[in-house]
């Protein structure tokens, strides 16, 4: 096995960027925060991994070869926008509670992962499971800013010679799961005398 385990934990991540839907000299600035980012990668076992047990059961490891799992969790994600370079007013446009991503890879071919001897030459036996869980995503933005985002058109790129099509020799079975809870959105009108639109 090329790797037994790998883990790391980052308490806080901050990223700042300018809006893509306005001119380059825009004074607006977005700031994104991610708290308690945890990542782990290692060998999986049915006795300690529910995703493993659900999709692969208790099949002995010597029949399936090494099974690798990846876990990524973020306790909270927020994105806020200021109204200008000199403005101290911030609007929290995106707020997401816990985000969890769990992946499981079984019978992956070389050179990525070692495949079991009994399944070499059987591409349909390879399996990739991705399970995504998102808690309490909330979105809040002014209607004029939202309209600018939707109306934005990227500059056309110069045409480039077409590249020859590639034939994929390996495509695993894919299983994708998605769970989203407590969705909410708030749209703020430009006219301050109008009421905000809240959807949940």
Protein backbone atom coordinates (compact mmCIF):
# COMPACT_ATOMS: atom_id res chain seq x y z
CA UNK A 1 0.00 0.00 0.00
CA UNK A 2 1.39 3.36 -1.01
CA UNK A 3 -0.06 5.20 1.97
CA UNK A 4 -1.34 4.17 5.39
CA UNK A 5 -2.78 7.45 6.59
CA UNK A 6 -2.53 11.20 6.28
CA UNK A 7 -4.27 13.83 8.46
CA UNK A 8 -4.17 17.58 8.90
CA UNK A 9 -6.23 20.26 10.63
CA UNK A 10 -6.38 23.97 9.76
CA UNK A 11 -8.18 26.23 12.24
CA UNK A 12 -8.95 29.18 9.96
CA UNK A 13 -8.61 30.01 6.27
CA UNK A 14 -9.28 33.46 4.79
CA UNK A 15 -9.42 34.36 1.08
CA UNK A 16 -10.13 37.80 -0.41
CA UNK A 17 -11.11 38.50 -4.01
CA UNK A 18 -12.63 41.17 -6.23
CA UNK A 19 -16.00 40.61 -7.93
CA UNK A 20 -15.73 38.94 -11.32
CA UNK A 21 -18.91 40.60 -12.65
CA UNK A 22 -17.64 44.20 -12.54
CA UNK A 23 -14.77 46.27 -13.89
CA UNK A 24 -11.23 45.54 -12.71
CA UNK A 25 -11.09 48.76 -10.66
CA UNK A 26 -14.15 47.79 -8.59
CA UNK A 27 -13.90 48.93 -4.97
CA UNK A 28 -16.01 46.04 -3.68
CA UNK A 29 -14.14 43.26 -1.93
CA UNK A 30 -15.29 39.78 -0.95
CA UNK A 31 -13.79 37.98 2.05
CA UNK A 32 -14.34 34.24 2.52
CA UNK A 33 -13.68 32.40 5.78
CA UNK A 34 -13.50 28.66 6.49
CA UNK A 35 -13.22 27.41 10.08
CA UNK A 36 -11.92 24.09 11.41
CA UNK A 37 -10.92 22.43 8.15
CA UNK A 38 -10.08 18.77 8.78
CA UNK A 39 -8.75 16.30 6.21
CA UNK A 40 -7.83 12.65 6.51
CA UNK A 41 -6.82 9.99 4.00
CA UNK A 42 -6.09 6.36 4.74
CA UNK A 43 -7.07 2.71 4.52
CA UNK A 44 -10.71 1.91 5.19
CA UNK A 45 -12.28 -0.89 7.21
CA UNK A 46 -15.94 -1.97 7.40
CA UNK A 47 -15.86 -2.05 11.19
CA UNK A 48 -15.13 1.67 11.49
CA UNK A 49 -16.47 3.17 8.23
CA UNK A 50 -20.25 3.23 7.61
CA UNK A 51 -19.81 4.16 3.94
CA UNK A 52 -17.54 1.14 3.49
CA UNK A 53 -20.06 -1.16 5.16
CA UNK A 54 -22.97 0.22 3.11
CA UNK A 55 -21.39 -0.22 -0.33
CA UNK A 56 -18.90 -3.06 0.13
CA UNK A 57 -20.26 -4.98 3.12
CA UNK A 58 -17.88 -7.11 5.13
CA UNK A 59 -16.04 -8.63 2.18
CA UNK A 60 -12.52 -9.65 3.29
CA UNK A 61 -9.82 -7.16 2.36
CA UNK A 62 -7.74 -9.83 0.57
CA UNK A 63 -10.58 -10.22 -1.98
CA UNK A 64 -11.03 -6.51 -2.66
CA UNK A 65 -7.49 -5.28 -2.23
CA UNK A 66 -6.75 -2.04 -0.36
CA UNK A 67 -9.73 0.27 0.08
CA UNK A 68 -8.97 3.94 0.64
CA UNK A 69 -11.17 6.53 2.28
CA UNK A 70 -10.99 10.32 2.32
CA UNK A 71 -12.75 12.60 4.81
CA UNK A 72 -13.03 16.38 4.57
CA UNK A 73 -15.04 18.50 6.99
CA UNK A 74 -15.43 22.26 7.48
CA UNK A 75 -17.31 23.55 10.53
CA UNK A 76 -18.41 26.85 8.96
CA UNK A 77 -18.03 28.79 5.70
CA UNK A 78 -18.93 32.47 5.35
CA UNK A 79 -18.51 35.03 2.58
CA UNK A 80 -19.01 38.73 3.22
CA UNK A 81 -18.84 41.74 0.92
CA UNK A 82 -18.03 45.35 1.73
CA UNK A 83 -19.71 48.15 -0.18
CA UNK A 84 -16.52 50.07 -1.02
CA UNK A 85 -12.88 50.69 -0.12
CA UNK A 86 -13.79 53.21 2.61
CA UNK A 87 -16.96 51.49 3.75
CA UNK A 88 -17.14 49.76 7.11
CA UNK A 89 -20.47 48.15 6.19
CA UNK A 90 -20.32 44.43 5.39
CA UNK A 91 -23.03 42.15 4.09
CA UNK A 92 -22.79 38.42 4.77
CA UNK A 93 -23.80 37.04 1.39
CA UNK A 94 -23.13 33.34 2.02
CA UNK A 95 -23.27 31.36 5.25
CA UNK A 96 -22.95 27.59 5.39
CA UNK A 97 -22.90 25.41 8.48
CA UNK A 98 -21.02 22.14 8.51
CA UNK A 99 -19.79 20.74 5.19
CA UNK A 100 -18.72 17.12 5.05
CA UNK A 101 -17.26 15.18 2.12
CA UNK A 102 -16.56 11.46 2.36
CA UNK A 103 -15.01 9.42 -0.46
CA UNK A 104 -14.31 5.72 -0.84
CA UNK A 105 -12.15 4.14 -3.56
CA UNK A 106 -11.99 0.39 -4.13
CA UNK A 107 -9.99 -1.73 -6.59
CA UNK A 108 -8.36 1.27 -8.22
CA UNK A 109 -5.92 0.39 -11.02
CA UNK A 110 -2.20 1.14 -10.97
CA UNK A 111 -0.44 3.50 -10.72
CA UNK A 112 -2.95 5.37 -8.53
CA UNK A 113 -3.79 2.55 -6.18
CA UNK A 114 -2.97 -1.13 -6.20
CA UNK A 115 -5.71 -3.38 -7.59
CA UNK A 116 -6.36 -6.86 -6.27
CA UNK A 117 -5.01 -9.77 -8.25
CA UNK A 118 -8.43 -11.33 -8.70
CA UNK A 119 -9.91 -8.24 -10.41
CA UNK A 120 -7.09 -7.15 -12.73
CA UNK A 121 -8.49 -6.58 -16.19
CA UNK A 122 -12.03 -6.02 -14.84
CA UNK A 123 -12.61 -2.23 -15.08
CA UNK A 124 -16.22 -2.50 -13.87
CA UNK A 125 -15.04 -3.73 -10.47
CA UNK A 126 -13.47 -0.38 -9.60
CA UNK A 127 -15.69 1.80 -7.43
CA UNK A 128 -15.66 5.45 -6.40
CA UNK A 129 -18.19 6.64 -3.80
CA UNK A 130 -18.63 10.35 -2.99
CA UNK A 131 -20.99 11.47 -0.22
CA UNK A 132 -21.57 15.22 0.28
CA UNK A 133 -23.43 16.67 3.29
CA UNK A 134 -24.22 20.40 3.57
CA UNK A 135 -25.93 21.96 6.58
CA UNK A 136 -27.84 25.27 6.67
CA UNK A 137 -26.73 27.02 3.45
CA UNK A 138 -27.95 30.64 3.42
CA UNK A 139 -27.66 33.27 0.70
CA UNK A 140 -28.32 37.02 1.03
CA UNK A 141 -27.68 39.66 -1.64
CA UNK A 142 -29.04 42.90 -3.14
CA UNK A 143 -31.16 42.45 -6.25
CA UNK A 144 -29.02 44.85 -8.32
CA UNK A 145 -25.84 42.94 -7.47
CA UNK A 146 -27.53 39.64 -8.27
CA UNK A 147 -28.66 41.05 -11.63
CA UNK A 148 -25.06 42.08 -12.41
CA UNK A 149 -23.90 38.53 -11.70
CA UNK A 150 -26.55 36.98 -13.95
CA UNK A 151 -26.01 39.47 -16.79
CA UNK A 152 -22.23 39.19 -16.79
CA UNK A 153 -20.70 37.77 -19.96
CA UNK A 154 -17.11 36.65 -20.09
CA UNK A 155 -15.02 38.02 -22.98
CA UNK A 156 -14.90 35.65 -25.90
CA UNK A 157 -11.67 33.71 -26.16
CA UNK A 158 -9.72 33.47 -29.36
CA UNK A 159 -10.37 30.24 -31.19
CA UNK A 160 -7.77 27.53 -30.76
CA UNK A 161 -7.15 24.45 -32.91
CA UNK A 162 -9.28 21.51 -31.88
CA UNK A 163 -7.40 18.90 -29.88
CA UNK A 164 -7.80 15.23 -30.76
CA UNK A 165 -10.36 13.36 -28.69
CA UNK A 166 -9.02 11.19 -25.91
CA UNK A 167 -10.33 7.72 -25.26
CA UNK A 168 -10.79 6.89 -21.59
CA UNK A 169 -9.43 3.46 -20.87
CA UNK A 170 -10.65 3.50 -17.30
CA UNK A 171 -13.99 4.71 -15.96
CA UNK A 172 -14.97 3.42 -12.49
CA UNK A 173 -18.45 2.84 -11.18
CA UNK A 174 -19.57 6.08 -9.53
CA UNK A 175 -21.94 6.49 -6.59
CA UNK A 176 -22.78 10.06 -5.55
CA UNK A 177 -24.86 11.07 -2.53
CA UNK A 178 -26.00 14.60 -1.63
CA UNK A 179 -27.75 15.83 1.50
CA UNK A 180 -28.69 19.51 2.01
CA UNK A 181 -30.63 20.76 5.05
CA UNK A 182 -32.21 24.07 6.09
CA UNK A 183 -31.79 26.15 2.91
CA UNK A 184 -32.60 29.87 3.16
CA UNK A 185 -32.26 32.91 0.87
CA UNK A 186 -32.84 36.65 1.31
CA UNK A 187 -33.08 39.10 -1.61
CA UNK A 188 -32.68 42.78 -0.71
CA UNK A 189 -34.38 45.33 -3.01
CA UNK A 190 -32.55 48.43 -4.21
CA UNK A 191 -35.46 50.60 -3.09
CA UNK A 192 -35.16 50.81 0.69
CA UNK A 193 -38.90 51.36 1.04
CA UNK A 194 -39.57 47.84 -0.31
CA UNK A 195 -39.50 44.71 1.80
CA UNK A 196 -36.85 42.02 1.50
CA UNK A 197 -37.81 38.67 -0.03
CA UNK A 198 -37.07 35.76 2.28
CA UNK A 199 -37.22 32.15 1.10
CA UNK A 200 -36.58 29.16 3.36
